[in-house]
Amino acid sequence: MRIGALDVCFWGGLATAAAGLVWAVWMPAGVDTDYFPIIRQQAYGRGPRVLIDEAHWNEHRVRETYRPFARLIERDGYRVARNHQPIVPGLLAGFDVLVVAGARPAPWGGAALDPREIEAVRDWVASGGSLLLVTGSGAAMEPLLEAFGAKLIGPAAEAASPVELARGRGIAEHPAASGREEVNEEVGTVITRGGSSISIPPGGVSLLTSPCSPAGSALAGLCAHGNGRVAIFGDPAILTATLVRESGTVRRVGINSTAGNRQFALNVMHWLTRLL
């Protein structure tokens, strides 16, 4: 039997459509690995150095769930490195921002970070470093939070569907929401899937609050510590690109969405590195 060109086109098109249907129906929630950020105006040429911790069984790593976040800040001019060793004072020298996202205890037990590591991080921030602290699914990061006067109120809990926050309705008035006026970085909305509820230290700012969170708690907050700055996030998905399957369709949630998450993530980094 001879197969003509029209047959090949027909069956090829049918196979493509079927593959698309399978992808839409069965694509699991997870990181959007194809996300490629577009930056209107890069903040830095050869920018600040960012160290992303991967030495503590972290839920979020550069080559996994936080690949989109790393791509985003690299496109903005930040220089990103990965850490695979215990945190000691000398390790942080030369870096401007430390990111600790979803640190967990080792399978054989113990704390996510031991007291000496927490002391090294706290002293480094007090001397002028900046910390982006993102909680995970458990309570393993509580000692690190408490070192900066913050407290975990409720563990991570995923909302049934993403919630969009807006200025004055969940997003506080702050330079991290307004951005640099001269390049139009204002954030109007941020989409969240819930997460851990955190009490922000006195003098700090509850930057994002959810109607589902306990009173007095925040999903994200900012504070000073000595000469340094700290940003704390209870929802890791806000800062990365996520795919969520809802009613047979796939929805983009996070920095890959049409909400302001991408600019919000950049504004927080700009605040940490004192552009704001």
Protein backbone atom coordinates (compact mmCIF):
# COMPACT_ATOMS: atom_id res chain seq x y z
CA MET A 1 0.00 0.00 0.00
CA ARG A 2 1.32 3.42 -1.03
CA ILE A 3 1.05 6.34 1.41
CA GLY A 4 0.66 9.73 -0.22
CA ALA A 5 1.76 13.13 1.00
CA LEU A 6 -1.79 14.03 2.04
CA ASP A 7 -2.00 10.89 4.17
CA VAL A 8 1.27 11.75 5.88
CA CYS A 9 0.02 15.29 6.63
CA PHE A 10 -3.31 13.97 7.93
CA TRP A 11 -1.85 11.35 10.26
CA GLY A 12 0.97 13.67 11.35
CA GLY A 13 -1.55 16.37 12.24
CA LEU A 14 -3.71 13.88 14.08
CA ALA A 15 -0.73 12.65 16.11
CA THR A 16 0.24 16.22 17.00
CA ALA A 17 -3.30 17.04 18.13
CA ALA A 18 -3.45 13.86 20.21
CA ALA A 19 -0.12 14.67 21.84
CA GLY A 20 -1.39 18.15 22.67
CA LEU A 21 -4.54 16.71 24.24
CA VAL A 22 -2.52 14.25 26.34
CA TRP A 23 -0.22 17.09 27.47
CA ALA A 24 -3.17 19.26 28.51
CA VAL A 25 -4.90 16.46 30.40
CA TRP A 26 -1.94 14.72 32.01
CA MET A 27 0.65 17.47 32.43
CA PRO A 28 1.33 17.53 36.19
CA ALA A 29 1.71 20.63 38.29
CA GLY A 30 5.33 21.61 38.46
CA VAL A 31 8.06 23.92 37.31
CA ASP A 32 7.77 25.51 33.87
CA THR A 33 11.18 24.43 32.54
CA ASP A 34 10.58 26.14 29.18
CA TYR A 35 10.09 29.57 30.75
CA PHE A 36 12.51 32.12 29.33
CA PRO A 37 12.23 35.56 30.97
CA ILE A 38 12.23 38.79 29.01
CA ILE A 39 13.77 41.80 30.76
CA ARG A 40 12.75 45.21 29.41
CA GLN A 41 15.73 47.00 30.93
CA GLN A 42 18.51 45.06 32.61
CA ALA A 43 19.34 46.47 36.05
CA TYR A 44 23.01 45.49 36.04
CA GLY A 45 25.84 44.83 33.64
CA ARG A 46 28.20 42.79 35.78
CA GLY A 47 25.91 42.74 38.79
CA PRO A 48 25.91 41.61 42.43
CA ARG A 49 26.91 38.04 43.25
CA VAL A 50 24.12 35.73 44.44
CA LEU A 51 24.81 32.45 46.23
CA ILE A 52 21.93 29.95 46.12
CA ASP A 53 22.25 27.33 48.84
CA GLU A 54 21.92 23.68 47.81
CA ALA A 55 23.86 22.10 50.67
CA HIS A 56 20.92 21.40 52.98
CA TRP A 57 18.67 18.95 51.11
CA ASN A 58 16.91 21.99 49.70
CA GLU A 59 13.50 21.59 48.08
CA HIS A 60 14.36 24.38 45.64
CA ARG A 61 17.53 24.25 43.55
CA VAL A 62 18.94 26.07 40.54
CA ARG A 63 18.62 23.11 38.17
CA GLU A 64 15.20 22.09 39.46
CA THR A 65 12.27 24.13 40.83
CA TYR A 66 14.23 27.40 41.03
CA ARG A 67 15.71 27.22 37.54
CA PRO A 68 13.27 29.95 36.31
CA PHE A 69 14.17 32.22 39.23
CA ALA A 70 17.89 31.79 38.56
CA ARG A 71 17.35 32.49 34.85
CA LEU A 72 15.35 35.61 35.68
CA ILE A 73 17.92 37.23 37.94
CA GLU A 74 20.79 36.24 35.63
CA ARG A 75 18.99 38.02 32.79
CA ASP A 76 18.83 41.07 35.07
CA GLY A 77 22.61 41.02 35.44
CA TYR A 78 23.08 39.12 38.70
CA ARG A 79 25.89 36.58 38.85
CA VAL A 80 24.56 33.32 40.29
CA ALA A 81 26.56 30.59 42.02
CA ARG A 82 25.43 27.39 43.79
CA ASN A 83 26.56 26.33 47.25
CA HIS A 84 27.20 22.68 48.11
CA GLN A 85 29.05 22.95 51.41
CA PRO A 86 28.32 23.94 55.01
CA ILE A 87 27.92 27.68 55.53
CA VAL A 88 30.91 29.21 57.28
CA PRO A 89 31.88 32.90 57.54
CA GLY A 90 34.54 32.70 54.84
CA LEU A 91 32.12 31.12 52.38
CA LEU A 92 29.92 34.21 52.23
CA ALA A 93 32.73 36.70 51.70
CA GLY A 94 32.46 38.23 48.25
CA PHE A 95 28.74 37.53 47.87
CA ASP A 96 26.02 40.16 48.05
CA VAL A 97 22.91 37.98 48.43
CA LEU A 98 22.43 34.54 49.97
CA VAL A 99 19.32 32.56 48.98
CA VAL A 100 18.19 29.74 51.27
CA ALA A 101 15.05 28.12 49.86
CA GLY A 102 13.36 25.12 51.46
CA ALA A 103 16.31 23.84 53.50
CA ARG A 104 15.56 20.44 55.09
CA PRO A 105 17.23 18.15 57.62
CA ALA A 106 19.33 15.28 56.34
CA PRO A 107 17.48 11.93 56.11
CA TRP A 108 19.41 10.65 59.11
CA GLY A 109 18.20 13.56 61.27
CA GLY A 110 19.43 16.84 62.67
CA ALA A 111 18.56 20.46 61.90
CA ALA A 112 18.37 21.95 58.42
CA LEU A 113 21.19 24.32 59.38
CA ASP A 114 23.22 23.75 62.51
CA PRO A 115 23.68 26.56 65.09
CA ARG A 116 27.13 27.49 63.77
CA GLU A 117 25.76 27.94 60.25
CA ILE A 118 22.87 30.05 61.52
CA GLU A 119 25.31 32.22 63.47
CA ALA A 120 27.48 32.65 60.36
CA VAL A 121 24.48 33.74 58.28
CA ARG A 122 23.17 36.09 60.99
CA ASP A 123 26.57 37.77 61.49
CA TRP A 124 27.13 38.11 57.74
CA VAL A 125 23.74 39.83 57.30
CA ALA A 126 24.39 42.10 60.30
CA SER A 127 27.63 43.22 58.67
CA GLY A 128 25.82 44.24 55.46
CA GLY A 129 24.85 41.09 53.55
CA SER A 130 21.37 40.42 52.17
CA LEU A 131 19.36 37.24 52.69
CA LEU A 132 16.44 35.85 50.70
CA LEU A 133 14.83 33.25 52.94
CA VAL A 134 12.13 31.00 51.46
CA THR A 135 10.40 28.52 53.74
CA GLY A 136 9.70 24.95 52.70
CA SER A 137 6.96 22.43 53.37
CA GLY A 138 8.00 21.70 56.95
CA ALA A 139 9.22 23.51 60.04
CA ALA A 140 12.93 22.78 59.53
CA MET A 141 13.77 26.42 58.84
CA GLU A 142 12.23 27.78 62.05
CA PRO A 143 15.58 28.26 63.84
CA LEU A 144 16.89 30.33 60.92
CA LEU A 145 13.71 32.42 60.85
CA GLU A 146 13.90 33.01 64.58
CA ALA A 147 17.51 34.19 64.26
CA PHE A 148 16.11 37.24 62.44
CA GLY A 149 13.13 37.77 64.74
CA ALA A 150 10.59 36.09 62.45
CA LYS A 151 8.38 33.18 63.37
CA LEU A 152 6.56 30.43 61.51
CA ILE A 153 2.86 30.64 62.41
CA GLY A 154 1.44 28.02 60.09
CA PRO A 155 3.06 25.34 57.92
CA ALA A 156 2.91 25.40 54.14
CA ALA A 157 -0.57 24.78 52.76
CA GLU A 158 -1.46 24.92 49.08
CA ALA A 159 -4.63 26.80 48.17
CA ALA A 160 -7.30 24.95 46.16
CA SER A 161 -6.69 27.43 43.34
CA PRO A 162 -4.27 30.33 42.92
CA VAL A 163 -5.24 33.63 44.52
CA GLU A 164 -4.45 37.00 42.97
CA LEU A 165 -3.42 39.77 45.36
CA ALA A 166 -3.56 43.45 44.39
CA ARG A 167 -2.22 46.76 45.67
CA GLY A 168 -4.17 47.68 48.78
CA ARG A 169 -5.69 44.18 48.85
CA GLY A 170 -2.80 42.00 49.90
CA ILE A 171 0.15 43.94 48.48
CA ALA A 172 1.56 46.62 50.78
CA GLU A 173 2.74 50.03 49.61
CA HIS A 174 6.52 49.67 49.52
CA PRO A 175 9.39 50.30 47.07
CA ALA A 176 9.41 46.55 46.38
CA ALA A 177 5.90 46.98 44.96
CA SER A 178 6.53 50.33 43.27
CA GLY A 179 9.95 49.58 41.79
CA ARG A 180 12.04 52.20 40.03
CA GLU A 181 9.72 54.91 38.78
CA GLU A 182 11.98 55.93 35.89
CA VAL A 183 11.70 52.49 34.25
CA ASN A 184 8.06 51.71 35.18
CA GLU A 185 8.52 48.71 37.49
CA GLU A 186 5.28 49.11 39.44
CA VAL A 187 3.56 45.86 40.43
CA GLY A 188 -0.24 45.78 40.36
CA THR A 189 -0.95 42.11 41.11
CA VAL A 190 0.82 39.04 42.46
CA ILE A 191 -0.50 35.50 42.18
CA THR A 192 0.05 33.04 45.03
CA ARG A 193 -0.82 29.44 45.82
CA GLY A 194 -0.73 29.91 49.59
CA GLY A 195 2.14 28.67 51.72
CA SER A 196 3.54 29.19 55.18
CA SER A 197 2.26 32.03 57.35
CA ILE A 198 5.02 34.09 58.94
CA SER A 199 5.13 36.76 61.61
CA ILE A 200 7.46 39.53 60.46
CA PRO A 201 9.86 41.07 63.03
CA PRO A 202 8.93 44.42 64.64
CA GLY A 203 9.96 47.24 62.36
CA GLY A 204 9.63 45.03 59.31
CA VAL A 205 7.04 45.21 56.52
CA SER A 206 4.38 42.59 55.79
CA LEU A 207 4.74 42.86 52.04
CA LEU A 208 2.19 40.22 50.97
CA THR A 209 -0.80 39.12 53.05
CA SER A 210 -3.43 36.59 52.08
CA PRO A 211 -7.08 36.60 53.17
CA CYS A 212 -6.58 32.93 54.02
CA SER A 213 -3.66 33.59 56.41
CA PRO A 214 -4.05 34.03 60.17
CA ALA A 215 -4.36 37.60 61.43
CA GLY A 216 -1.01 39.29 61.96
CA SER A 217 0.82 36.98 59.58
CA ALA A 218 2.26 37.46 56.10
CA LEU A 219 3.16 35.42 53.03
CA ALA A 220 6.17 37.66 52.42
CA GLY A 221 7.93 40.33 54.42
CA LEU A 222 11.03 42.50 54.54
CA CYS A 223 13.15 43.63 57.44
CA ALA A 224 16.52 45.09 58.33
CA HIS A 225 19.05 43.24 60.45
CA GLY A 226 22.01 45.31 61.55
CA ASN A 227 23.49 46.75 58.37
CA GLY A 228 21.89 44.08 56.21
CA ARG A 229 18.51 43.27 54.69
CA VAL A 230 16.28 40.20 54.82
CA ALA A 231 13.38 39.14 52.58
CA ILE A 232 11.25 36.25 53.85
CA PHE A 233 8.79 34.30 51.69
CA GLY A 234 6.29 31.70 52.85
CA ASP A 235 5.21 30.75 49.31
CA PRO A 236 8.10 29.48 47.17
CA ALA A 237 5.94 29.45 44.02
CA ILE A 238 5.69 33.25 43.93
CA LEU A 239 9.34 33.47 42.85
CA THR A 240 9.45 30.75 40.21
CA ALA A 241 7.54 29.65 37.10
CA THR A 242 4.90 27.04 37.82
CA LEU A 243 2.37 25.06 35.78
CA VAL A 244 -0.93 24.12 37.43
CA ARG A 245 -3.53 21.83 35.86
CA GLU A 246 -7.09 23.04 36.45
CA SER A 247 -10.21 21.52 34.85
CA GLY A 248 -8.23 19.88 32.06
CA THR A 249 -6.23 22.99 31.16
CA VAL A 250 -2.77 24.08 32.20
CA ARG A 251 -2.42 27.46 33.89
CA ARG A 252 0.82 29.39 34.31
CA VAL A 253 1.31 30.57 37.88
CA GLY A 254 4.24 32.59 39.19
CA ILE A 255 6.81 34.60 37.26
CA ASN A 256 5.54 32.99 34.03
CA SER A 257 1.99 34.30 34.58
CA THR A 258 0.32 37.48 33.37
CA ALA A 259 0.32 38.77 36.97
CA GLY A 260 3.16 40.92 38.28
CA ASN A 261 5.20 38.13 39.88
CA ARG A 262 8.15 38.51 37.50
CA GLN A 263 8.59 42.21 38.24
CA PHE A 264 7.84 41.63 41.91
CA ALA A 265 10.67 39.06 42.17
CA LEU A 266 13.05 41.51 40.47
CA ASN A 267 11.94 44.37 42.73
CA VAL A 268 12.62 42.29 45.84
CA MET A 269 16.11 41.51 44.52
CA HIS A 270 16.61 45.19 43.72
CA TRP A 271 15.61 46.05 47.30
CA LEU A 272 18.03 43.46 48.66
CA THR A 273 20.84 44.93 46.56
CA ARG A 274 19.86 48.52 47.40
CA LEU A 275 18.67 49.72 44.03
CA LEU A 276 15.46 50.50 45.93
